Amino acid sequence: MKKISAILIICVMFASCKKLEDLNKNIKDPVSVSGESLFTGAQKTLVDAVVTPNVGSNTTRLFDQYWAETTYLDEENYNLNYRKGPDGFWNAIYVNVLNNLQQAKTVITATTYSNDLSPVTKQNKLAIVDVMSVYAWSLLVETFGNIPYSQALNASVYFPKYDDGLTIYTDLISRLNTDIATLNIAPTDMSFSSADNLYQGSAASWAKFANSLKLRMGMVLATISAPTSTVAALAKTTIESAAPNVFASNADNAFLIYSSSAPNTNPMFEDQVAASRHDYLPANTLVDAMNSLNDPRRQFYYTTVADTTIYVGVPYGSAAPVQNIYSQLYGSILYNPIFQGTIFEYSEVEFLLAEAVERGYNVGGTAESYYDNAIKASIEYWEGEGGASLSAADADAATYLAQPSVAYSTAAGTWQQKIGTQQWIAYYNRGFEGWTEWRRLHYPLLVPGPNALTPIPLRYTYPIEEQTLNGPNYQAAAAAIGGDAVTTKLFWDK
C-alpha cells in the first residue's frame, strides 16, 4: 500500500511540474516561423533599407545631390561615421535580409505542404528567394566592394573572410541564370501569393525582374575599363541574353505598397512626418538642372516657393535655417504613408538598353528610342503619382523630348553625359541606384559642398564593428581594394 501511495505522489508531482512548465511557455510568440513569413519580412526590410531617408543607414540622396540637409550637415559633408550609416545599412542587409532569406529557403525546402501546392510552385518559391538574395548581395558589393560572402551566413564561422567583389558578382550572375531557368511562368504556377508584397507571387513577373537585374549587373561589368577576355565575354552574354526578357512597361516595376498604419508606413513618412522632423530640402544642384530643362517633373518633386511659381533649391553643402525662401519636398507624394517603395523600374531598363546599344551590344533598337522610352516612362510614373492623366503625361513627355537640350540627337555631350544626366533626374527617389549610375557613367559633373571633408564618396567605408570584431579579415579586405576610404574606386569604377 505504501508503494502504491508513493507512486501516486510521484505521478501527481510530475503532473504538477508539467503544468508549471506549461505556465512558463510564451503563448504569444510562435514556436516556429514559416518560410513564407521569413520571406515577407526580409522583403520589407530590404525595400525599407533602399527607400529610407534615415542617415543612420542611407545617405545616398545626399551623395546624389538630390537633397540637402537643413541643420546637421555631417552626411552632406561626407562624415559617414558620425551616425554610423555604413553600419546601419550593413546590418540591415546581412542580419535582417540575407539571414532571413537563407532561413526562408531552409524552412521552405524542409516543409511538406498540402496537396494544393505543386512541386513546381515550391520550386518557384525557392527561385524567387534566391533572386531576392542576389539583389541584396549586389547592393552590398556595389556599396562596399569586397565583402564577406562565401562564409558570411555560416553560423559556425565567427570571423568570415571577405571575398573579391568581381568574383562575387560573377557568382551572382550564375545564380541568376539558374533561377531564371528554374522559374516556371505558366499562369497556374504561382508561388508566394499574398506573402509576396512585390509581385503577389507571379513567377512571370519575377522572371522579368531577374532578367532586368541581370541586365543591370551585366552593364556594371561592361563599365570595367580594361576587362579580361573572360569578363568581357561574360558582360556580353549576360546583357544580350537578358535584354529580350526585361521589363516592358511601368506595370512591371518592382515596388512595395506601404500601409497607412504604423509600423508599415513608408519610411519617408515615418522618418520625417511621424517623427516631426524637417531634415531635408531640395538641393540646388538638381533643381537648377531641371529648371534649365523646363522639366515637367518638378511639380511632383518639389513645391514652388511660397506665393511664386518658381522652384529654388538650397545651396548644397550650406545650412538653410530660413526655409520659406526655398522649395520644399513635394510631401503629398513623398511623405504619403502609403507611397510605394520602388527598387527597380522600367525607365531604368530602357536607359540601360540605350547604353548597351552605345557600347555595341546586340540588344536591338536604337539608343535614341530607348532613351526616349526611359524619359517618357519616368514622366508617366511621376505625373501618375501626382494624379495627372496618362494623356497629359505623354503630352508633357513629348514637349520635354522635343527640346534641343533634351533630344538625344542634339543634347550636349557624349552619350555618357546624355544618358547619365537623364538617369540622374529620373532616379530622384532612388538614391542607391542614382549613386551607382553616377559612379559608372561619371555624369552629371557633381561638385562637393564648400565644407566637404572628402570628395563625393565612391563607396561606403566598412562598418566600425567589422574593424573591431573581424579585424584581420577587415585589414586584408581594405588592403585588397586599395584602402578603406570613401574615395577608393571599386572594381567596376576603375
Protein backbone atom coordinates (compact mmCIF):
# COMPACT_ATOMS: atom_id res chain seq x y z
CA MET A 1 0.00 0.00 0.00
CA LYS A 2 2.86 2.35 0.82
CA LYS A 3 4.41 1.63 -2.60
CA ILE A 4 1.16 2.48 -4.34
CA SER A 5 0.87 5.75 -2.35
CA ALA A 6 4.45 6.68 -3.25
CA ILE A 7 3.82 6.03 -6.90
CA LEU A 8 0.67 8.15 -6.82
CA ILE A 9 2.54 11.00 -5.11
CA ILE A 10 5.29 10.88 -7.76
CA CYS A 11 2.71 10.93 -10.56
CA VAL A 12 0.91 13.90 -9.01
CA MET A 13 4.22 15.77 -8.58
CA PHE A 14 5.22 15.02 -12.18
CA ALA A 15 1.86 16.20 -13.47
CA SER A 16 2.14 19.36 -11.36
CA CYS A 17 5.63 20.07 -12.75
CA LYS A 18 4.37 19.66 -16.30
CA LYS A 19 1.59 22.14 -15.56
CA LEU A 20 4.12 24.62 -14.11
CA GLU A 21 6.23 24.24 -17.28
CA ASP A 22 3.15 24.99 -19.32
CA LEU A 23 2.65 28.19 -17.33
CA ASN A 24 6.18 29.29 -18.31
CA LYS A 25 5.51 28.95 -22.03
CA ASN A 26 5.29 32.13 -24.12
CA ILE A 27 1.96 31.66 -25.88
CA LYS A 28 2.16 35.00 -27.68
CA ASP A 29 5.19 34.27 -29.85
CA PRO A 30 5.24 31.44 -32.40
CA VAL A 31 7.34 28.35 -31.72
CA SER A 32 8.35 28.27 -35.37
CA VAL A 33 8.11 30.69 -38.29
CA SER A 34 7.07 29.72 -41.78
CA GLY A 35 9.39 30.24 -44.70
CA GLU A 36 6.76 32.47 -46.28
CA SER A 37 6.73 34.79 -43.25
CA LEU A 38 10.51 34.97 -43.25
CA PHE A 39 10.44 35.91 -46.92
CA THR A 40 7.82 38.62 -46.35
CA GLY A 41 9.79 40.17 -43.50
CA ALA A 42 13.09 40.10 -45.40
CA GLN A 43 11.45 41.62 -48.45
CA LYS A 44 10.02 44.55 -46.50
CA THR A 45 13.30 45.16 -44.65
CA LEU A 46 15.16 45.21 -47.96
CA VAL A 47 12.79 47.75 -49.52
CA ASP A 48 12.89 49.84 -46.35
CA ALA A 49 16.71 49.92 -46.44
CA VAL A 50 16.69 51.15 -50.04
CA VAL A 51 13.88 53.68 -49.54
CA THR A 52 14.56 55.18 -46.12
CA PRO A 53 15.99 58.70 -45.88
CA ASN A 54 17.40 57.96 -42.42
CA VAL A 55 21.08 58.88 -42.35
CA GLY A 56 21.65 56.03 -39.91
CA SER A 57 21.78 53.73 -42.94
CA ASN A 58 21.06 55.56 -46.21
CA THR A 59 22.83 58.78 -47.18
CA THR A 60 22.73 58.26 -50.93
CA ARG A 61 20.21 61.03 -51.74
CA LEU A 62 22.78 63.43 -50.30
CA PHE A 63 25.62 61.94 -52.36
CA ASP A 64 23.45 62.32 -55.47
CA GLN A 65 22.73 65.95 -54.51
CA TYR A 66 19.02 65.36 -54.80
CA TRP A 67 18.51 66.68 -51.29
CA ALA A 68 20.40 68.87 -48.86
CA GLU A 69 20.36 68.76 -45.07
CA THR A 70 18.75 71.70 -43.29
CA THR A 71 20.59 71.70 -39.97
CA TYR A 72 23.05 68.86 -39.39
CA LEU A 73 25.37 68.66 -42.38
CA ASP A 74 27.56 65.76 -41.30
CA GLU A 75 26.48 63.33 -44.03
CA GLU A 76 26.29 66.08 -46.62
CA ASN A 77 29.91 66.81 -45.81
CA TYR A 78 30.64 63.08 -46.05
CA ASN A 79 31.27 62.29 -42.40
CA LEU A 80 29.83 58.79 -42.67
CA ASN A 81 30.90 57.52 -39.27
CA TYR A 82 29.24 60.19 -37.13
CA ARG A 83 25.91 58.36 -37.16
CA LYS A 84 27.36 55.06 -38.40
CA GLY A 85 25.46 54.99 -41.69
CA PRO A 86 27.57 52.17 -43.17
CA ASP A 87 26.99 50.05 -40.04
CA GLY A 88 23.24 50.55 -40.27
CA PHE A 89 23.00 49.50 -43.91
CA TRP A 90 25.40 46.57 -43.50
CA ASN A 91 23.49 45.17 -40.51
CA ALA A 92 20.08 45.64 -42.11
CA ILE A 93 21.09 43.67 -45.21
CA TYR A 94 23.15 40.95 -43.57
CA VAL A 95 21.12 40.34 -40.41
CA ASN A 96 17.54 41.14 -41.36
CA VAL A 97 17.53 40.41 -45.09
CA LEU A 98 20.10 37.83 -46.17
CA ASN A 99 19.95 35.82 -42.97
CA ASN A 100 16.15 35.67 -43.07
CA LEU A 101 16.14 34.79 -46.76
CA GLN A 102 18.52 31.93 -46.08
CA GLN A 103 16.29 30.73 -43.25
CA ALA A 104 13.27 31.04 -45.55
CA LYS A 105 14.99 28.81 -48.08
CA THR A 106 15.83 26.23 -45.40
CA VAL A 107 12.30 26.16 -43.99
CA ILE A 108 10.57 26.04 -47.39
CA THR A 109 12.85 23.23 -48.51
CA ALA A 110 12.07 21.19 -45.38
CA THR A 111 8.33 21.90 -45.31
CA THR A 112 5.86 19.30 -46.54
CA TYR A 113 2.96 21.25 -48.00
CA SER A 114 -0.59 20.10 -48.61
CA ASN A 115 -1.54 18.70 -52.00
CA ASP A 116 -2.72 22.06 -53.31
CA LEU A 117 0.90 23.22 -53.58
CA SER A 118 2.51 21.65 -56.61
CA PRO A 119 6.24 20.84 -56.68
CA VAL A 120 6.62 23.50 -59.37
CA THR A 121 5.19 26.18 -57.07
CA LYS A 122 7.61 25.22 -54.31
CA GLN A 123 10.39 25.33 -56.87
CA ASN A 124 9.28 28.84 -57.85
CA LYS A 125 9.35 29.95 -54.22
CA LEU A 126 12.93 28.84 -53.79
CA ALA A 127 14.00 30.54 -57.03
CA ILE A 128 12.33 33.81 -56.01
CA VAL A 129 14.01 33.72 -52.60
CA ASP A 130 17.34 33.40 -54.37
CA VAL A 131 16.60 36.23 -56.82
CA MET A 132 15.83 38.47 -53.85
CA SER A 133 19.09 37.35 -52.23
CA VAL A 134 21.09 38.11 -55.38
CA TYR A 135 19.62 41.61 -55.47
CA ALA A 136 20.62 42.17 -51.83
CA TRP A 137 24.14 40.83 -52.38
CA SER A 138 24.59 43.04 -55.46
CA LEU A 139 23.71 46.11 -53.38
CA LEU A 140 26.37 45.22 -50.83
CA VAL A 141 29.06 44.71 -53.47
CA GLU A 142 28.14 47.95 -55.23
CA THR A 143 28.21 49.82 -51.92
CA PHE A 144 31.27 48.40 -50.13
CA GLY A 145 33.34 46.40 -52.65
CA ASN A 146 34.86 43.20 -51.27
CA ILE A 147 32.55 41.73 -48.62
CA PRO A 148 32.02 38.51 -46.65
CA TYR A 149 30.13 36.18 -49.00
CA SER A 150 31.13 32.52 -49.09
CA GLN A 151 31.38 32.30 -45.28
CA ALA A 152 29.04 35.13 -44.35
CA LEU A 153 25.89 33.23 -43.40
CA ASN A 154 27.62 30.24 -41.86
CA ALA A 155 26.81 30.24 -38.12
CA SER A 156 29.91 28.16 -37.36
CA VAL A 157 32.24 30.80 -38.87
CA TYR A 158 32.63 33.62 -36.38
CA PHE A 159 35.09 35.66 -38.42
CA PRO A 160 34.16 35.35 -42.12
CA LYS A 161 36.69 36.19 -44.77
CA TYR A 162 35.99 38.86 -47.38
CA ASP A 163 35.61 37.69 -50.97
CA ASP A 164 36.67 39.58 -54.08
CA GLY A 165 33.87 41.80 -55.44
CA LEU A 166 34.25 40.71 -59.06
CA THR A 167 34.29 37.04 -58.04
CA ILE A 168 31.09 37.54 -56.05
CA TYR A 169 29.46 39.39 -58.92
CA THR A 170 30.32 36.59 -61.33
CA ASP A 171 28.79 34.01 -58.99
CA LEU A 172 25.65 36.12 -58.52
CA ILE A 173 25.10 36.25 -62.28
CA SER A 174 25.48 32.47 -62.40
CA ARG A 175 22.86 32.16 -59.67
CA LEU A 176 20.50 34.44 -61.60
CA ASN A 177 20.89 32.26 -64.69
CA THR A 178 19.92 29.21 -62.65
CA ASP A 179 16.97 31.00 -61.07
CA ILE A 180 15.67 32.21 -64.43
CA ALA A 181 15.91 28.70 -65.87
CA THR A 182 14.15 27.30 -62.79
CA LEU A 183 11.19 29.70 -62.71
CA ASN A 184 8.06 28.22 -64.28
CA ILE A 185 5.99 31.11 -65.56
CA ALA A 186 2.86 29.22 -66.59
CA PRO A 187 -0.14 31.20 -65.31
CA THR A 188 -1.21 28.47 -62.89
CA ASP A 189 2.22 28.05 -61.35
CA MET A 190 2.28 30.76 -58.72
CA SER A 191 4.45 30.94 -55.65
CA PHE A 192 4.08 33.11 -52.56
CA SER A 193 0.71 34.71 -53.36
CA SER A 194 -0.09 37.41 -50.76
CA ALA A 195 3.16 36.73 -48.86
CA ASP A 196 4.96 38.42 -51.77
CA ASN A 197 4.45 42.17 -51.46
CA LEU A 198 6.26 42.99 -54.70
CA TYR A 199 4.58 40.74 -57.25
CA GLN A 200 1.94 38.79 -55.30
CA GLY A 201 3.61 35.53 -56.24
CA SER A 202 3.68 35.98 -60.00
CA ALA A 203 6.53 33.84 -61.30
CA ALA A 204 6.31 35.61 -64.68
CA SER A 205 6.90 38.99 -63.02
CA TRP A 206 9.82 37.62 -61.04
CA ALA A 207 11.35 36.27 -64.24
CA LYS A 208 11.23 39.78 -65.71
CA PHE A 209 12.74 41.19 -62.52
CA ALA A 210 15.54 38.62 -62.58
CA ASN A 211 16.36 39.40 -66.22
CA SER A 212 16.26 43.14 -65.57
CA LEU A 213 18.64 42.71 -62.63
CA LYS A 214 20.84 40.53 -64.80
CA LEU A 215 20.93 43.29 -67.44
CA ARG A 216 21.94 45.84 -64.82
CA MET A 217 24.68 43.63 -63.44
CA GLY A 218 25.95 42.97 -66.94
CA MET A 219 26.18 46.71 -67.54
CA VAL A 220 28.20 47.08 -64.34
CA LEU A 221 30.69 44.57 -65.75
CA ALA A 222 30.66 46.44 -69.05
CA THR A 223 31.89 49.55 -67.23
CA ILE A 224 35.24 47.94 -66.37
CA SER A 225 37.73 49.89 -68.43
CA ALA A 226 40.19 47.07 -69.10
CA PRO A 227 38.31 43.80 -68.62
CA THR A 228 39.88 40.42 -69.13
CA SER A 229 38.57 38.47 -72.09
CA THR A 230 36.57 36.31 -69.69
CA VAL A 231 34.88 39.29 -68.05
CA ALA A 232 34.22 40.95 -71.40
CA ALA A 233 32.60 37.77 -72.71
CA LEU A 234 30.54 37.43 -69.53
CA ALA A 235 29.30 41.02 -69.80
CA LYS A 236 28.29 40.45 -73.42
CA THR A 237 26.43 37.18 -72.87
CA THR A 238 24.79 38.49 -69.70
CA ILE A 239 23.47 41.65 -71.36
CA GLU A 240 22.40 40.09 -74.63
CA SER A 241 20.65 37.09 -73.06
CA ALA A 242 18.78 39.26 -70.56
CA ALA A 243 17.65 42.01 -72.94
CA PRO A 244 14.69 40.22 -74.62
CA ASN A 245 13.08 39.34 -71.28
CA VAL A 246 13.26 42.53 -69.21
CA PHE A 247 10.54 44.93 -68.04
CA ALA A 248 8.25 46.08 -70.84
CA SER A 249 6.33 48.91 -69.12
CA ASN A 250 5.77 50.65 -65.80
CA ALA A 251 3.35 47.84 -64.96
CA ASP A 252 6.42 45.65 -64.37
CA ASN A 253 8.01 47.98 -61.79
CA ALA A 254 9.14 46.32 -58.56
CA PHE A 255 7.60 48.19 -55.65
CA LEU A 256 6.09 47.61 -52.25
CA ILE A 257 2.89 49.40 -51.30
CA TYR A 258 3.00 50.55 -47.70
CA SER A 259 0.16 50.72 -45.20
CA SER A 260 -1.43 53.83 -43.72
CA SER A 261 -0.84 52.42 -40.24
CA ALA A 262 2.39 52.00 -38.30
CA PRO A 263 4.68 50.09 -38.34
CA ASN A 264 4.15 49.52 -42.05
CA THR A 265 4.08 53.10 -43.33
CA ASN A 266 6.57 54.36 -45.89
CA PRO A 267 9.94 55.03 -44.17
CA MET A 268 9.93 58.59 -45.58
CA PHE A 269 6.68 59.32 -43.73
CA GLU A 270 7.92 57.53 -40.65
CA ASP A 271 11.26 59.33 -40.56
CA GLN A 272 10.10 62.86 -41.35
CA VAL A 273 6.37 63.25 -40.66
CA ALA A 274 5.66 60.82 -37.83
CA ALA A 275 8.93 61.83 -36.15
CA SER A 276 8.12 65.56 -36.68
CA ARG A 277 11.44 66.24 -38.37
CA HIS A 278 12.31 68.62 -41.18
CA ASP A 279 15.79 67.46 -42.12
CA TYR A 280 15.83 67.93 -45.88
CA LEU A 281 15.25 70.44 -48.65
CA PRO A 282 15.74 70.04 -52.41
CA ALA A 283 19.36 70.66 -53.37
CA ASN A 284 20.01 73.45 -55.86
CA THR A 285 22.14 71.06 -57.96
CA LEU A 286 19.15 69.08 -59.20
CA VAL A 287 16.62 71.91 -59.03
CA ASP A 288 18.78 74.17 -61.21
CA ALA A 289 19.36 71.38 -63.73
CA MET A 290 15.64 70.68 -64.01
CA ASN A 291 14.83 74.39 -64.26
CA SER A 292 17.23 74.74 -67.17
CA LEU A 293 15.42 71.90 -68.98
CA ASN A 294 11.85 73.00 -68.13
CA ASP A 295 11.35 69.56 -66.63
CA PRO A 296 7.66 68.76 -66.03
CA ARG A 297 8.51 66.51 -63.07
CA ARG A 298 9.48 69.49 -60.91
CA GLN A 299 5.91 69.94 -59.71
CA PHE A 300 5.93 66.37 -58.36
CA TYR A 301 9.46 66.52 -56.91
CA TYR A 302 9.14 69.89 -55.14
CA THR A 303 6.79 72.69 -54.22
CA THR A 304 7.17 76.18 -55.62
CA VAL A 305 8.47 78.90 -53.33
CA ALA A 306 5.60 80.46 -51.36
CA ASP A 307 3.46 82.89 -53.43
CA THR A 308 5.54 82.29 -56.57
CA THR A 309 5.66 79.87 -59.49
CA ILE A 310 9.39 79.22 -59.26
CA TYR A 311 11.45 76.36 -57.88
CA VAL A 312 14.51 77.20 -55.77
CA GLY A 313 16.88 74.68 -54.22
CA VAL A 314 19.03 75.27 -51.16
CA PRO A 315 22.76 75.67 -51.92
CA TYR A 316 24.22 72.20 -51.49
CA GLY A 317 26.52 71.93 -48.51
CA SER A 318 25.15 75.02 -46.75
CA ALA A 319 22.71 75.06 -43.85
CA ALA A 320 19.30 76.56 -44.65
CA PRO A 321 17.69 77.93 -41.47
CA VAL A 322 15.27 80.12 -43.46
CA GLN A 323 13.17 77.56 -45.27
CA ASN A 324 10.41 79.69 -46.75
CA ILE A 325 12.68 81.10 -49.45
CA TYR A 326 13.30 77.63 -50.83
CA SER A 327 11.15 74.96 -52.41
CA GLN A 328 10.11 72.10 -50.16
CA LEU A 329 10.00 68.40 -50.95
CA TYR A 330 6.65 67.51 -52.51
CA GLY A 331 5.15 65.94 -49.44
CA SER A 332 1.83 64.92 -50.98
CA ILE A 333 3.71 62.18 -52.80
CA LEU A 334 6.99 61.59 -50.96
CA TYR A 335 5.57 61.82 -47.45
CA ASN A 336 2.36 59.94 -48.13
CA PRO A 337 2.39 56.98 -45.68
CA ILE A 338 1.27 54.61 -48.45
CA PHE A 339 3.62 55.89 -51.16
CA GLN A 340 5.22 52.90 -52.81
CA GLY A 341 8.81 51.91 -52.19
CA THR A 342 10.37 51.23 -55.60
CA ILE A 343 13.54 49.18 -56.05
CA PHE A 344 13.51 48.67 -59.84
CA GLU A 345 11.60 50.34 -62.66
CA TYR A 346 11.02 50.23 -66.38
CA SER A 347 12.76 53.57 -67.06
CA GLU A 348 15.97 52.11 -65.64
CA VAL A 349 15.82 49.16 -68.02
CA GLU A 350 15.36 51.46 -71.01
CA PHE A 351 18.31 53.64 -70.01
CA LEU A 352 20.45 50.51 -69.65
CA LEU A 353 19.42 49.32 -73.10
CA ALA A 354 20.31 52.72 -74.57
CA GLU A 355 23.74 52.36 -73.04
CA ALA A 356 24.03 48.78 -74.30
CA VAL A 357 23.45 49.97 -77.86
CA GLU A 358 26.13 52.64 -77.47
CA ARG A 359 28.56 50.03 -76.15
CA GLY A 360 27.94 47.85 -79.19
CA TYR A 361 25.89 45.03 -77.70
CA ASN A 362 23.24 43.26 -79.75
CA VAL A 363 20.04 44.24 -77.93
CA GLY A 364 18.00 45.54 -80.87
CA GLY A 365 16.55 49.04 -81.15
CA THR A 366 18.42 52.32 -81.09
CA ALA A 367 19.96 54.30 -78.27
CA GLU A 368 17.63 57.18 -79.05
CA SER A 369 14.45 55.08 -78.89
CA TYR A 370 15.42 53.52 -75.58
CA TYR A 371 16.42 56.93 -74.19
CA ASP A 372 13.07 58.41 -75.23
CA ASN A 373 11.18 55.45 -73.75
CA ALA A 374 13.04 55.84 -70.45
CA ILE A 375 12.25 59.53 -70.09
CA LYS A 376 8.63 59.03 -71.11
CA ALA A 377 8.23 56.20 -68.58
CA SER A 378 9.66 58.35 -65.79
CA ILE A 379 7.37 61.28 -66.57
CA GLU A 380 4.36 58.96 -66.78
CA TYR A 381 5.24 57.45 -63.43
CA TRP A 382 5.67 60.73 -61.53
CA GLU A 383 2.75 62.52 -63.11
CA GLY A 384 0.59 59.47 -62.50
CA GLU A 385 1.56 59.53 -58.82
CA GLY A 386 0.57 63.19 -58.78
CA GLY A 387 -2.86 62.44 -60.22
CA ALA A 388 -2.28 63.52 -63.83
CA SER A 389 -3.82 61.56 -66.67
CA LEU A 390 -1.72 59.36 -68.94
CA SER A 391 -2.53 61.55 -71.94
CA ALA A 392 -1.37 64.66 -70.07
CA ALA A 393 1.84 62.92 -69.04
CA ASP A 394 2.50 61.77 -72.61
CA ALA A 395 1.97 65.31 -73.90
CA ASP A 396 4.42 66.66 -71.32
CA ALA A 397 6.94 63.98 -72.26
CA ALA A 398 6.65 64.85 -75.96
CA THR A 399 7.20 68.54 -75.23
CA TYR A 400 10.16 67.79 -73.00
CA LEU A 401 11.83 65.47 -75.50
CA ALA A 402 11.32 67.97 -78.33
CA GLN A 403 13.68 70.45 -76.70
CA PRO A 404 17.14 70.54 -78.33
CA SER A 405 18.71 70.43 -74.87
CA VAL A 406 16.98 67.09 -74.19
CA ALA A 407 16.58 65.39 -77.60
CA TYR A 408 19.14 62.63 -77.99
CA SER A 409 20.38 63.87 -81.35
CA THR A 410 21.01 67.42 -80.17
CA ALA A 411 21.61 67.34 -76.40
CA ALA A 412 25.10 68.40 -75.37
CA GLY A 413 27.92 66.00 -74.71
CA THR A 414 28.74 62.34 -75.17
CA TRP A 415 26.25 59.53 -74.82
CA GLN A 416 27.51 59.07 -71.28
CA GLN A 417 26.57 62.67 -70.49
CA LYS A 418 23.16 62.48 -72.16
CA ILE A 419 22.13 59.19 -70.57
CA GLY A 420 23.85 59.90 -67.26
CA THR A 421 22.15 63.26 -66.81
CA GLN A 422 18.68 61.98 -67.61
CA GLN A 423 19.15 58.90 -65.41
CA TRP A 424 20.17 61.15 -62.55
CA ILE A 425 16.98 63.17 -62.90
CA ALA A 426 14.75 60.10 -63.26
CA TYR A 427 16.16 58.30 -60.20
CA TYR A 428 15.28 61.17 -57.89
CA ASN A 429 13.75 58.91 -55.24
CA ARG A 430 16.13 56.00 -55.75
CA GLY A 431 19.29 57.15 -54.06
CA PHE A 432 21.33 53.96 -54.29
CA GLU A 433 20.73 53.49 -58.00
CA GLY A 434 21.29 57.17 -58.75
CA TRP A 435 24.61 56.94 -56.91
CA THR A 436 25.68 53.76 -58.71
CA GLU A 437 24.87 55.15 -62.14
CA TRP A 438 26.70 58.40 -61.37
CA ARG A 439 29.74 56.35 -60.36
CA ARG A 440 29.51 54.26 -63.54
CA LEU A 441 28.98 56.98 -66.15
CA HIS A 442 30.54 59.91 -64.22
CA TYR A 443 27.73 62.26 -65.20
CA PRO A 444 26.47 64.75 -64.28
CA LEU A 445 29.56 66.56 -63.05
CA LEU A 446 28.81 66.92 -59.35
CA VAL A 447 30.93 69.10 -57.08
CA PRO A 448 31.25 68.61 -53.30
CA GLY A 449 29.89 71.27 -50.97
CA PRO A 450 32.18 74.02 -49.63
CA ASN A 451 32.82 72.28 -46.30
CA ALA A 452 33.09 68.69 -47.53
CA LEU A 453 35.64 66.56 -45.71
CA THR A 454 36.38 64.46 -48.80
CA PRO A 455 35.41 64.26 -52.46
CA ILE A 456 31.97 62.75 -53.15
CA PRO A 457 32.04 59.19 -51.75
CA LEU A 458 32.60 56.37 -54.21
CA ARG A 459 31.74 53.72 -51.63
CA TYR A 460 30.66 53.25 -48.04
CA THR A 461 33.53 52.58 -45.68
CA TYR A 462 33.41 49.29 -43.81
CA PRO A 463 31.41 49.28 -40.56
CA ILE A 464 33.25 50.20 -37.38
CA GLU A 465 32.01 46.97 -35.83
CA GLU A 466 33.78 44.97 -38.54
CA GLN A 467 37.01 46.79 -37.87
CA THR A 468 36.72 45.88 -34.20
CA LEU A 469 35.29 42.35 -34.27
CA ASN A 470 36.69 40.97 -37.53
CA GLY A 471 39.95 42.87 -37.58
CA PRO A 472 42.35 40.62 -39.55
CA ASN A 473 39.82 39.95 -42.32
CA TYR A 474 38.86 43.62 -42.40
CA GLN A 475 42.51 44.64 -42.76
CA ALA A 476 43.02 42.16 -45.61
CA ALA A 477 39.90 43.40 -47.40
CA ALA A 478 40.87 47.04 -47.03
CA ALA A 479 44.32 46.33 -48.46
CA ALA A 480 42.86 44.31 -51.34
CA ILE A 481 40.64 47.14 -52.61
CA GLY A 482 43.24 49.87 -52.14
CA GLY A 483 42.26 51.23 -48.74
CA ASP A 484 39.10 51.59 -46.69
CA ALA A 485 38.33 55.14 -47.81
CA VAL A 486 35.28 56.74 -49.39
CA THR A 487 37.46 57.70 -52.34
CA THR A 488 38.55 54.13 -53.15
CA LYS A 489 37.23 53.11 -56.53
CA LEU A 490 35.55 49.72 -56.74
CA PHE A 491 36.42 47.07 -59.31
CA TRP A 492 33.97 48.40 -61.91
CA ASP A 493 34.82 52.08 -61.36
CA LYS A 494 38.49 51.99 -62.36
